[in-house]
Full PDB file with SEQRES, HELIX, SHEET, SSBOND, CRYST1, ORIGX, SCALE, CONECT and MASTER records, all heavy atoms in Angstrom:
SEQRES   1 A   40  THR ASP PRO SER ILE GLN VAL ASP THR VAL TRP ALA LEU          
SEQRES   2 A   40  SER TYR LEU THR ASP GLY GLY GLU LYS ASN ILE GLN LEU          
SEQRES   3 A   40  VAL ILE ASP SER ASP ILE VAL ALA LYS LEU VAL PRO MET          
SEQRES   4 A   40  LEU                                                          
HELIX    1 AA1 PRO A    3  LEU A   16  1                                  14    
HELIX    2 AA2 GLU A   21  ASP A   29  1                                   9    
HELIX    3 AA3 VAL A   33  LEU A   36  1                                   4    
HELIX    4 AA4 VAL A   37  MET A   39  5                                   3    
CRYST1    1.000    1.000    1.000  90.00  90.00  90.00 P 1           1          
ORIGX1      1.000000  0.000000  0.000000        0.00000                         
ORIGX2      0.000000  1.000000  0.000000        0.00000                         
ORIGX3      0.000000  0.000000  1.000000        0.00000                         
SCALE1      1.000000  0.000000  0.000000        0.00000                         
SCALE2      0.000000  1.000000  0.000000        0.00000                         
SCALE3      0.000000  0.000000  1.000000        0.00000                         
ATOM      1  N   THR A   1      48.501 -51.914  15.908  1.00  0.00           N  
ATOM      2  CA  THR A   1      47.752 -51.783  14.645  1.00  0.00           C  
ATOM      3  C   THR A   1      46.872 -52.990  14.359  1.00  0.00           C  
ATOM      4  O   THR A   1      45.987 -52.916  13.498  1.00  0.00           O  
ATOM      5  CB  THR A   1      48.730 -51.598  13.466  1.00  0.00           C  
ATOM      6  OG1 THR A   1      49.669 -52.695  13.456  1.00  0.00           O  
ATOM      7  CG2 THR A   1      49.500 -50.291  13.606  1.00  0.00           C  
ATOM      8  N   ASP A   2      47.077 -54.096  15.054  1.00  0.00           N  
ATOM      9  CA  ASP A   2      46.266 -55.292  14.817  1.00  0.00           C  
ATOM     10  C   ASP A   2      44.882 -55.100  15.440  1.00  0.00           C  
ATOM     11  O   ASP A   2      44.768 -54.863  16.656  1.00  0.00           O  
ATOM     12  CB  ASP A   2      46.937 -56.521  15.427  1.00  0.00           C  
ATOM     13  CG  ASP A   2      46.129 -57.780  15.191  1.00  0.00           C  
ATOM     14  OD1 ASP A   2      46.005 -58.185  14.035  1.00  0.00           O  
ATOM     15  OD2 ASP A   2      45.603 -58.346  16.183  1.00  0.00           O  
ATOM     16  N   PRO A   3      43.805 -55.196  14.650  1.00  0.00           N  
ATOM     17  CA  PRO A   3      42.450 -54.962  15.181  1.00  0.00           C  
ATOM     18  C   PRO A   3      42.078 -55.896  16.322  1.00  0.00           C  
ATOM     19  O   PRO A   3      41.420 -55.481  17.287  1.00  0.00           O  
ATOM     20  CB  PRO A   3      41.540 -55.182  13.966  1.00  0.00           C  
ATOM     21  CG  PRO A   3      42.419 -54.969  12.785  1.00  0.00           C  
ATOM     22  CD  PRO A   3      43.777 -55.444  13.198  1.00  0.00           C  
ATOM     23  N   SER A   4      42.504 -57.151  16.244  1.00  0.00           N  
ATOM     24  CA  SER A   4      42.165 -58.111  17.292  1.00  0.00           C  
ATOM     25  C   SER A   4      42.786 -57.701  18.622  1.00  0.00           C  
ATOM     26  O   SER A   4      42.119 -57.734  19.666  1.00  0.00           O  
ATOM     27  CB  SER A   4      42.658 -59.506  16.892  1.00  0.00           C  
ATOM     28  OG  SER A   4      42.462 -60.427  17.939  1.00  0.00           O  
ATOM     29  N   ILE A   5      44.038 -57.289  18.599  1.00  0.00           N  
ATOM     30  CA  ILE A   5      44.719 -56.860  19.828  1.00  0.00           C  
ATOM     31  C   ILE A   5      44.081 -55.584  20.353  1.00  0.00           C  
ATOM     32  O   ILE A   5      43.883 -55.422  21.566  1.00  0.00           O  
ATOM     33  CB  ILE A   5      46.218 -56.661  19.566  1.00  0.00           C  
ATOM     34  CG1 ILE A   5      46.880 -58.029  19.319  1.00  0.00           C  
ATOM     35  CG2 ILE A   5      46.902 -55.925  20.716  1.00  0.00           C  
ATOM     36  CD1 ILE A   5      48.331 -57.960  18.893  1.00  0.00           C  
ATOM     37  N   GLN A   6      43.744 -54.692  19.452  1.00  0.00           N  
ATOM     38  CA  GLN A   6      43.147 -53.421  19.871  1.00  0.00           C  
ATOM     39  C   GLN A   6      41.781 -53.640  20.527  1.00  0.00           C  
ATOM     40  O   GLN A   6      41.478 -53.061  21.573  1.00  0.00           O  
ATOM     41  CB  GLN A   6      43.011 -52.501  18.649  1.00  0.00           C  
ATOM     42  CG  GLN A   6      43.086 -51.034  18.982  1.00  0.00           C  
ATOM     43  CD  GLN A   6      43.275 -50.180  17.746  1.00  0.00           C  
ATOM     44  OE1 GLN A   6      42.680 -50.447  16.700  1.00  0.00           O  
ATOM     45  NE2 GLN A   6      44.079 -49.148  17.862  1.00  0.00           N  
ATOM     46  N   VAL A   7      40.952 -54.480  19.923  1.00  0.00           N  
ATOM     47  CA  VAL A   7      39.628 -54.771  20.475  1.00  0.00           C  
ATOM     48  C   VAL A   7      39.756 -55.389  21.867  1.00  0.00           C  
ATOM     49  O   VAL A   7      39.075 -54.977  22.816  1.00  0.00           O  
ATOM     50  CB  VAL A   7      38.830 -55.712  19.544  1.00  0.00           C  
ATOM     51  CG1 VAL A   7      37.579 -56.229  20.241  1.00  0.00           C  
ATOM     52  CG2 VAL A   7      38.440 -54.991  18.271  1.00  0.00           C  
ATOM     53  N   ASP A   8      40.641 -56.383  21.998  1.00  0.00           N  
ATOM     54  CA  ASP A   8      40.810 -57.032  23.298  1.00  0.00           C  
ATOM     55  C   ASP A   8      41.310 -56.054  24.351  1.00  0.00           C  
ATOM     56  O   ASP A   8      40.882 -56.092  25.519  1.00  0.00           O  
ATOM     57  CB  ASP A   8      41.792 -58.201  23.169  1.00  0.00           C  
ATOM     58  CG  ASP A   8      41.128 -59.454  22.611  1.00  0.00           C  
ATOM     59  OD1 ASP A   8      39.930 -59.388  22.280  1.00  0.00           O  
ATOM     60  OD2 ASP A   8      41.803 -60.495  22.504  1.00  0.00           O  
ATOM     61  N   THR A   9      42.215 -55.168  23.954  1.00  0.00           N  
ATOM     62  CA  THR A   9      42.747 -54.180  24.901  1.00  0.00           C  
ATOM     63  C   THR A   9      41.641 -53.271  25.426  1.00  0.00           C  
ATOM     64  O   THR A   9      41.548 -52.991  26.634  1.00  0.00           O  
ATOM     65  CB  THR A   9      43.834 -53.325  24.230  1.00  0.00           C  
ATOM     66  OG1 THR A   9      44.889 -54.175  23.768  1.00  0.00           O  
ATOM     67  CG2 THR A   9      44.406 -52.298  25.189  1.00  0.00           C  
ATOM     68  N   VAL A  10      40.779 -52.815  24.535  1.00  0.00           N  
ATOM     69  CA  VAL A  10      39.711 -51.907  24.952  1.00  0.00           C  
ATOM     70  C   VAL A  10      38.690 -52.644  25.808  1.00  0.00           C  
ATOM     71  O   VAL A  10      38.145 -52.089  26.763  1.00  0.00           O  
ATOM     72  CB  VAL A  10      39.055 -51.234  23.726  1.00  0.00           C  
ATOM     73  CG1 VAL A  10      37.956 -50.274  24.161  1.00  0.00           C  
ATOM     74  CG2 VAL A  10      40.097 -50.463  22.922  1.00  0.00           C  
ATOM     75  N   TRP A  11      38.425 -53.914  25.493  1.00  0.00           N  
ATOM     76  CA  TRP A  11      37.526 -54.687  26.362  1.00  0.00           C  
ATOM     77  C   TRP A  11      38.122 -54.807  27.759  1.00  0.00           C  
ATOM     78  O   TRP A  11      37.396 -54.739  28.773  1.00  0.00           O  
ATOM     79  CB  TRP A  11      37.278 -56.080  25.790  1.00  0.00           C  
ATOM     80  CG  TRP A  11      36.182 -56.142  24.774  1.00  0.00           C  
ATOM     81  CD1 TRP A  11      36.281 -56.601  23.494  1.00  0.00           C  
ATOM     82  CD2 TRP A  11      34.817 -55.733  24.943  1.00  0.00           C  
ATOM     83  NE1 TRP A  11      35.063 -56.489  22.857  1.00  0.00           N  
ATOM     84  CE2 TRP A  11      34.143 -55.970  23.719  1.00  0.00           C  
ATOM     85  CE3 TRP A  11      34.100 -55.182  25.999  1.00  0.00           C  
ATOM     86  CZ2 TRP A  11      32.798 -55.667  23.533  1.00  0.00           C  
ATOM     87  CZ3 TRP A  11      32.758 -54.881  25.818  1.00  0.00           C  
ATOM     88  CH2 TRP A  11      32.126 -55.138  24.599  1.00  0.00           C  
ATOM     89  N   ALA A  12      39.435 -55.003  27.843  1.00  0.00           N  
ATOM     90  CA  ALA A  12      40.075 -55.085  29.154  1.00  0.00           C  
ATOM     91  C   ALA A  12      39.810 -53.809  29.954  1.00  0.00           C  
ATOM     92  O   ALA A  12      39.491 -53.861  31.153  1.00  0.00           O  
ATOM     93  CB  ALA A  12      41.580 -55.316  29.000  1.00  0.00           C  
ATOM     94  N   LEU A  13      39.911 -52.663  29.295  1.00  0.00           N  
ATOM     95  CA  LEU A  13      39.647 -51.389  29.965  1.00  0.00           C  
ATOM     96  C   LEU A  13      38.182 -51.276  30.378  1.00  0.00           C  
ATOM     97  O   LEU A  13      37.862 -50.728  31.439  1.00  0.00           O  
ATOM     98  CB  LEU A  13      40.024 -50.230  29.043  1.00  0.00           C  
ATOM     99  CG  LEU A  13      41.523 -50.078  28.774  1.00  0.00           C  
ATOM    100  CD1 LEU A  13      41.764 -49.080  27.644  1.00  0.00           C  
ATOM    101  CD2 LEU A  13      42.259 -49.638  30.037  1.00  0.00           C  
ATOM    102  N   SER A  14      37.298 -51.817  29.564  1.00  0.00           N  
ATOM    103  CA  SER A  14      35.871 -51.760  29.919  1.00  0.00           C  
ATOM    104  C   SER A  14      35.591 -52.599  31.148  1.00  0.00           C  
ATOM    105  O   SER A  14      34.755 -52.239  31.983  1.00  0.00           O  
ATOM    106  CB  SER A  14      35.005 -52.222  28.734  1.00  0.00           C  
ATOM    107  OG  SER A  14      34.991 -53.632  28.621  1.00  0.00           O  
ATOM    108  N   TYR A  15      36.284 -53.730  31.298  1.00  0.00           N  
ATOM    109  CA  TYR A  15      36.083 -54.557  32.492  1.00  0.00           C  
ATOM    110  C   TYR A  15      36.630 -53.860  33.731  1.00  0.00           C  
ATOM    111  O   TYR A  15      36.012 -53.898  34.799  1.00  0.00           O  
ATOM    112  CB  TYR A  15      36.759 -55.920  32.314  1.00  0.00           C  
ATOM    113  CG  TYR A  15      36.184 -56.737  31.181  1.00  0.00           C  
ATOM    114  CD1 TYR A  15      37.007 -57.429  30.306  1.00  0.00           C  
ATOM    115  CD2 TYR A  15      34.810 -56.797  30.973  1.00  0.00           C  
ATOM    116  CE1 TYR A  15      36.486 -58.170  29.259  1.00  0.00           C  
ATOM    117  CE2 TYR A  15      34.278 -57.532  29.926  1.00  0.00           C  
ATOM    118  CZ  TYR A  15      35.123 -58.219  29.069  1.00  0.00           C  
ATOM    119  OH  TYR A  15      34.597 -58.936  28.032  1.00  0.00           O  
ATOM    120  N   LEU A  16      37.782 -53.230  33.593  1.00  0.00           N  
ATOM    121  CA  LEU A  16      38.382 -52.544  34.741  1.00  0.00           C  
ATOM    122  C   LEU A  16      37.518 -51.375  35.202  1.00  0.00           C  
ATOM    123  O   LEU A  16      37.368 -51.139  36.402  1.00  0.00           O  
ATOM    124  CB  LEU A  16      39.785 -52.043  34.388  1.00  0.00           C  
ATOM    125  CG  LEU A  16      40.856 -53.108  34.164  1.00  0.00           C  
ATOM    126  CD1 LEU A  16      42.187 -52.454  33.820  1.00  0.00           C  
ATOM    127  CD2 LEU A  16      41.014 -54.007  35.386  1.00  0.00           C  
ATOM    128  N   THR A  17      36.943 -50.649  34.259  1.00  0.00           N  
ATOM    129  CA  THR A  17      36.128 -49.483  34.619  1.00  0.00           C  
ATOM    130  C   THR A  17      34.746 -49.873  35.118  1.00  0.00           C  
ATOM    131  O   THR A  17      33.979 -49.012  35.552  1.00  0.00           O  
ATOM    132  CB  THR A  17      35.973 -48.528  33.423  1.00  0.00           C  
ATOM    133  OG1 THR A  17      35.511 -49.265  32.276  1.00  0.00           O  
ATOM    134  CG2 THR A  17      37.294 -47.852  33.094  1.00  0.00           C  
ATOM    135  N   ASP A  18      34.434 -51.160  35.067  1.00  0.00           N  
ATOM    136  CA  ASP A  18      33.154 -51.635  35.599  1.00  0.00           C  
ATOM    137  C   ASP A  18      33.308 -52.110  37.040  1.00  0.00           C  
ATOM    138  O   ASP A  18      32.445 -52.796  37.556  1.00  0.00           O  
ATOM    139  CB  ASP A  18      32.618 -52.773  34.719  1.00  0.00           C  
ATOM    140  CG  ASP A  18      31.136 -53.033  34.936  1.00  0.00           C  
ATOM    141  OD1 ASP A  18      30.433 -52.123  35.415  1.00  0.00           O  
ATOM    142  OD2 ASP A  18      30.678 -54.144  34.639  1.00  0.00           O  
ATOM    143  N   GLY A  19      34.418 -51.731  37.672  1.00  0.00           N  
ATOM    144  CA  GLY A  19      34.693 -52.219  39.020  1.00  0.00           C  
ATOM    145  C   GLY A  19      34.536 -51.186  40.109  1.00  0.00           C  
ATOM    146  O   GLY A  19      35.005 -51.399  41.226  1.00  0.00           O  
ATOM    147  N   GLY A  20      33.919 -50.027  39.815  1.00  0.00           N  
ATOM    148  CA  GLY A  20      33.698 -49.013  40.840  1.00  0.00           C  
ATOM    149  C   GLY A  20      34.606 -47.811  40.673  1.00  0.00           C  
ATOM    150  O   GLY A  20      35.518 -47.793  39.842  1.00  0.00           O  
ATOM    151  N   GLU A  21      34.348 -46.781  41.477  1.00  0.00           N  
ATOM    152  CA  GLU A  21      35.027 -45.499  41.316  1.00  0.00           C  
ATOM    153  C   GLU A  21      36.531 -45.592  41.556  1.00  0.00           C  
ATOM    154  O   GLU A  21      37.319 -44.881  40.919  1.00  0.00           O  
ATOM    155  CB  GLU A  21      34.398 -44.467  42.254  1.00  0.00           C  
ATOM    156  CG  GLU A  21      32.982 -44.071  41.832  1.00  0.00           C  
ATOM    157  CD  GLU A  21      32.311 -43.129  42.826  1.00  0.00           C  
ATOM    158  OE1 GLU A  21      33.008 -42.678  43.770  1.00  0.00           O  
ATOM    159  OE2 GLU A  21      31.117 -42.849  42.655  1.00  0.00           O  
ATOM    160  N   LYS A  22      36.971 -46.450  42.471  1.00  0.00           N  
ATOM    161  CA  LYS A  22      38.413 -46.578  42.727  1.00  0.00           C  
ATOM    162  C   LYS A  22      39.139 -47.116  41.508  1.00  0.00           C  
ATOM    163  O   LYS A  22      40.217 -46.633  41.137  1.00  0.00           O  
ATOM    164  CB  LYS A  22      38.651 -47.479  43.942  1.00  0.00           C  
ATOM    165  CG  LYS A  22      38.232 -46.849  45.263  1.00  0.00           C  
ATOM    166  CD  LYS A  22      38.555 -47.756  46.433  1.00  0.00           C  
ATOM    167  CE  LYS A  22      38.143 -47.105  47.756  1.00  0.00           C  
ATOM    168  NZ  LYS A  22      38.433 -47.999  48.920  1.00  0.00           N  
ATOM    169  N   ASN A  23      38.553 -48.123  40.875  1.00  0.00           N  
ATOM    170  CA  ASN A  23      39.173 -48.677  39.673  1.00  0.00           C  
ATOM    171  C   ASN A  23      39.102 -47.694  38.511  1.00  0.00           C  
ATOM    172  O   ASN A  23      40.026 -47.609  37.701  1.00  0.00           O  
ATOM    173  CB  ASN A  23      38.509 -50.005  39.290  1.00  0.00           C  
ATOM    174  CG  ASN A  23      38.916 -51.138  40.213  1.00  0.00           C  
ATOM    175  OD1 ASN A  23      39.708 -50.942  41.131  1.00  0.00           O  
ATOM    176  ND2 ASN A  23      38.371 -52.308  39.982  1.00  0.00           N  
ATOM    177  N   ILE A  24      37.986 -46.969  38.422  1.00  0.00           N  
ATOM    178  CA  ILE A  24      37.875 -45.938  37.390  1.00  0.00           C  
ATOM    179  C   ILE A  24      39.004 -44.922  37.549  1.00  0.00           C  
ATOM    180  O   ILE A  24      39.634 -44.515  36.569  1.00  0.00           O  
ATOM    181  CB  ILE A  24      36.500 -45.234  37.473  1.00  0.00           C  
ATOM    182  CG1 ILE A  24      35.389 -46.180  36.997  1.00  0.00           C  
ATOM    183  CG2 ILE A  24      36.488 -43.949  36.643  1.00  0.00           C  
ATOM    184  CD1 ILE A  24      33.983 -45.629  37.203  1.00  0.00           C  
ATOM    185  N   GLN A  25      39.287 -44.548  38.787  1.00  0.00           N  
ATOM    186  CA  GLN A  25      40.342 -43.557  39.018  1.00  0.00           C  
ATOM    187  C   GLN A  25      41.714 -44.101  38.637  1.00  0.00           C  
ATOM    188  O   GLN A  25      42.562 -43.359  38.119  1.00  0.00           O  
ATOM    189  CB  GLN A  25      40.331 -43.115  40.482  1.00  0.00           C  
ATOM    190  CG  GLN A  25      41.166 -41.870  40.745  1.00  0.00           C  
ATOM    191  CD  GLN A  25      40.679 -40.677  39.924  1.00  0.00           C  
ATOM    192  OE1 GLN A  25      39.484 -40.399  39.859  1.00  0.00           O  
ATOM    193  NE2 GLN A  25      41.615 -39.972  39.291  1.00  0.00           N  
ATOM    194  N   LEU A  26      41.952 -45.387  38.881  1.00  0.00           N  
ATOM    195  CA  LEU A  26      43.218 -45.991  38.470  1.00  0.00           C  
ATOM    196  C   LEU A  26      43.391 -45.900  36.959  1.00  0.00           C  
ATOM    197  O   LEU A  26      44.481 -45.606  36.459  1.00  0.00           O  
ATOM    198  CB  LEU A  26      43.273 -47.453  38.913  1.00  0.00           C  
ATOM    199  CG  LEU A  26      43.480 -47.713  40.410  1.00  0.00           C  
ATOM    200  CD1 LEU A  26      43.315 -49.203  40.707  1.00  0.00           C  
ATOM    201  CD2 LEU A  26      44.867 -47.252  40.842  1.00  0.00           C  
ATOM    202  N   VAL A  27      42.308 -46.156  36.229  1.00  0.00           N  
ATOM    203  CA  VAL A  27      42.357 -46.062  34.766  1.00  0.00           C  
ATOM    204  C   VAL A  27      42.596 -44.618  34.334  1.00  0.00           C  
ATOM    205  O   VAL A  27      43.422 -44.347  33.451  1.00  0.00           O  
ATOM    206  CB  VAL A  27      41.049 -46.607  34.144  1.00  0.00           C  
ATOM    207  CG1 VAL A  27      41.006 -46.335  32.648  1.00  0.00           C  
ATOM    208  CG2 VAL A  27      40.926 -48.110  34.410  1.00  0.00           C  
ATOM    209  N   ILE A  28      41.916 -43.680  34.964  1.00  0.00           N  
ATOM    210  CA  ILE A  28      42.101 -42.260  34.632  1.00  0.00           C  
ATOM    211  C   ILE A  28      43.543 -41.831  34.912  1.00  0.00           C  
ATOM    212  O   ILE A  28      44.177 -41.153  34.099  1.00  0.00           O  
ATOM    213  CB  ILE A  28      41.112 -41.390  35.429  1.00  0.00           C  
ATOM    214  CG1 ILE A  28      39.698 -41.592  34.889  1.00  0.00           C  
ATOM    215  CG2 ILE A  28      41.499 -39.914  35.371  1.00  0.00           C  
ATOM    216  CD1 ILE A  28      38.614 -40.906  35.703  1.00  0.00           C  
ATOM    217  N   ASP A  29      44.082 -42.250  36.048  1.00  0.00           N  
ATOM    218  CA  ASP A  29      45.440 -41.859  36.434  1.00  0.00           C  
ATOM    219  C   ASP A  29      46.504 -42.422  35.490  1.00  0.00           C  
ATOM    220  O   ASP A  29      47.633 -41.916  35.450  1.00  0.00           O  
ATOM    221  CB  ASP A  29      45.739 -42.304  37.869  1.00  0.00           C  
ATOM    222  CG  ASP A  29      44.919 -41.524  38.893  1.00  0.00           C  
ATOM    223  OD1 ASP A  29      44.389 -40.450  38.539  1.00  0.00           O  
ATOM    224  OD2 ASP A  29      44.782 -42.017  40.040  1.00  0.00           O  
ATOM    225  N   SER A  30      46.151 -43.457  34.749  1.00  0.00           N  
ATOM    226  CA  SER A  30      47.111 -44.034  33.797  1.00  0.00           C  
ATOM    227  C   SER A  30      47.213 -43.230  32.504  1.00  0.00           C  
ATOM    228  O   SER A  30      48.014 -43.564  31.624  1.00  0.00           O  
ATOM    229  CB  SER A  30      46.709 -45.476  33.461  1.00  0.00           C  
ATOM    230  OG  SER A  30      45.586 -45.493  32.589  1.00  0.00           O  
ATOM    231  N   ASP A  31      46.382 -42.180  32.375  1.00  0.00           N  
ATOM    232  CA  ASP A  31      46.386 -41.305  31.187  1.00  0.00           C  
ATOM    233  C   ASP A  31      45.973 -42.037  29.904  1.00  0.00           C  
ATOM    234  O   ASP A  31      46.369 -41.648  28.807  1.00  0.00           O  
ATOM    235  CB  ASP A  31      47.766 -40.652  30.980  1.00  0.00           C  
ATOM    236  CG  ASP A  31      48.111 -39.692  32.102  1.00  0.00           C  
ATOM    237  OD1 ASP A  31      47.195 -39.049  32.643  1.00  0.00           O  
ATOM    238  OD2 ASP A  31      49.303 -39.594  32.451  1.00  0.00           O  
ATOM    239  N   ILE A  32      45.158 -43.066  30.050  1.00  0.00           N  
ATOM    240  CA  ILE A  32      44.744 -43.827  28.870  1.00  0.00           C  
ATOM    241  C   ILE A  32      43.428 -43.320  28.289  1.00  0.00           C  
ATOM    242  O   ILE A  32      43.074 -43.665  27.152  1.00  0.00           O  
ATOM    243  CB  ILE A  32      44.645 -45.331  29.213  1.00  0.00           C  
ATOM    244  CG1 ILE A  32      44.829 -46.187  27.951  1.00  0.00           C  
ATOM    245  CG2 ILE A  32      43.324 -45.660  29.912  1.00  0.00           C  
ATOM    246  CD1 ILE A  32      44.997 -47.659  28.241  1.00  0.00           C  
ATOM    247  N   VAL A  33      42.687 -42.486  29.048  1.00  0.00           N  
ATOM    248  CA  VAL A  33      41.371 -42.036  28.580  1.00  0.00           C  
ATOM    249  C   VAL A  33      41.499 -41.227  27.288  1.00  0.00           C  
ATOM    250  O   VAL A  33      40.674 -41.354  26.379  1.00  0.00           O  
ATOM    251  CB  VAL A  33      40.648 -41.215  29.667  1.00  0.00           C  
ATOM    252  CG1 VAL A  33      39.303 -40.701  29.149  1.00  0.00           C  
ATOM    253  CG2 VAL A  33      40.424 -42.068  30.912  1.00  0.00           C  
ATOM    254  N   ALA A  34      42.537 -40.420  27.195  1.00  0.00           N  
ATOM    255  CA  ALA A  34      42.741 -39.610  25.986  1.00  0.00           C  
ATOM    256  C   ALA A  34      42.981 -40.477  24.755  1.00  0.00           C  
ATOM    257  O   ALA A  34      42.731 -40.044  23.624  1.00  0.00           O  
ATOM    258  CB  ALA A  34      43.912 -38.649  26.183  1.00  0.00           C  
ATOM    259  N   LYS A  35      43.462 -41.688  24.948  1.00  0.00           N  
ATOM    260  CA  LYS A  35      43.659 -42.625  23.830  1.00  0.00           C  
ATOM    261  C   LYS A  35      42.384 -43.424  23.560  1.00  0.00           C  
ATOM    262  O   LYS A  35      42.159 -43.884  22.445  1.00  0.00           O  
ATOM    263  CB  LYS A  35      44.811 -43.579  24.162  1.00  0.00           C  
ATOM    264  CG  LYS A  35      46.118 -42.885  24.477  1.00  0.00           C  
ATOM    265  CD  LYS A  35      47.131 -43.852  25.068  1.00  0.00           C  
ATOM    266  CE  LYS A  35      48.373 -43.111  25.553  1.00  0.00           C  
ATOM    267  NZ  LYS A  35      49.326 -44.012  26.233  1.00  0.00           N  
ATOM    268  N   LEU A  36      41.575 -43.561  24.594  1.00  0.00           N  
ATOM    269  CA  LEU A  36      40.360 -44.360  24.491  1.00  0.00           C  
ATOM    270  C   LEU A  36      39.242 -43.614  23.764  1.00  0.00           C  
ATOM    271  O   LEU A  36      38.548 -44.188  22.912  1.00  0.00           O  
ATOM    272  CB  LEU A  36      39.907 -44.736  25.899  1.00  0.00           C  
ATOM    273  CG  LEU A  36      38.774 -45.726  26.088  1.00  0.00           C  
ATOM    274  CD1 LEU A  36      39.127 -47.061  25.456  1.00  0.00           C  
ATOM    275  CD2 LEU A  36      38.495 -45.903  27.586  1.00  0.00           C  
ATOM    276  N   VAL A  37      39.068 -42.331  24.067  1.00  0.00           N  
ATOM    277  CA  VAL A  37      37.947 -41.557  23.520  1.00  0.00           C  
ATOM    278  C   VAL A  37      37.967 -41.494  21.990  1.00  0.00           C  
ATOM    279  O   VAL A  37      36.915 -41.669  21.356  1.00  0.00           O  
ATOM    280  CB  VAL A  37      37.914 -40.143  24.145  1.00  0.00           C  
ATOM    281  CG1 VAL A  37      36.958 -39.241  23.374  1.00  0.00           C  
ATOM    282  CG2 VAL A  37      37.495 -40.236  25.608  1.00  0.00           C  
ATOM    283  N   PRO A  38      39.121 -41.266  21.324  1.00  0.00           N  
ATOM    284  CA  PRO A  38      39.100 -41.240  19.854  1.00  0.00           C  
ATOM    285  C   PRO A  38      38.613 -42.533  19.211  1.00  0.00           C  
ATOM    286  O   PRO A  38      38.149 -42.531  18.069  1.00  0.00           O  
ATOM    287  CB  PRO A  38      40.573 -40.975  19.494  1.00  0.00           C  
ATOM    288  CG  PRO A  38      41.125 -40.259  20.683  1.00  0.00           C  
ATOM    289  CD  PRO A  38      40.437 -40.870  21.857  1.00  0.00           C  
ATOM    290  N   MET A  39      38.675 -43.638  19.955  1.00  0.00           N  
ATOM    291  CA  MET A  39      38.223 -44.914  19.408  1.00  0.00           C  
ATOM    292  C   MET A  39      36.709 -44.988  19.274  1.00  0.00           C  
ATOM    293  O   MET A  39      36.181 -45.917  18.666  1.00  0.00           O  
ATOM    294  CB  MET A  39      38.738 -46.061  20.274  1.00  0.00           C  
ATOM    295  CG  MET A  39      40.232 -46.212  20.186  1.00  0.00           C  
ATOM    296  SD  MET A  39      40.838 -47.630  21.091  1.00  0.00           S  
ATOM    297  CE  MET A  39      42.520 -47.698  20.480  1.00  0.00           C  
ATOM    298  N   LEU A  40      36.005 -44.008  19.839  1.00  0.00           N  
ATOM    299  CA  LEU A  40      34.559 -43.931  19.622  1.00  0.00           C  
ATOM    300  C   LEU A  40      34.231 -43.694  18.157  1.00  0.00           C  
ATOM    301  O   LEU A  40      33.122 -43.983  17.701  1.00  0.00           O  
ATOM    302  CB  LEU A  40      33.959 -42.810  20.471  1.00  0.00           C  
ATOM    303  CG  LEU A  40      34.033 -42.971  21.995  1.00  0.00           C  
ATOM    304  CD1 LEU A  40      33.558 -41.705  22.683  1.00  0.00           C  
ATOM    305  CD2 LEU A  40      33.215 -44.176  22.457  1.00  0.00           C  
TER     306      LEU A  40                                                      
MASTER        0    0    0    4    0    0    0    6  305    1    0    4          
END                                                                             
C-alpha cells in the first residue's frame, strides 16, 4: 500500500521488460502482468 514501494516495484518491472523477449517472457510467466495492467 505504500506508494513509494509500489512505484519502485513497477520501475523494476519496467527495467526487466526492457531486456528483450526472453526477459519479457520471464515476467509474463510470473503472472504479474494481470497486476501490472490495472496500474495504468
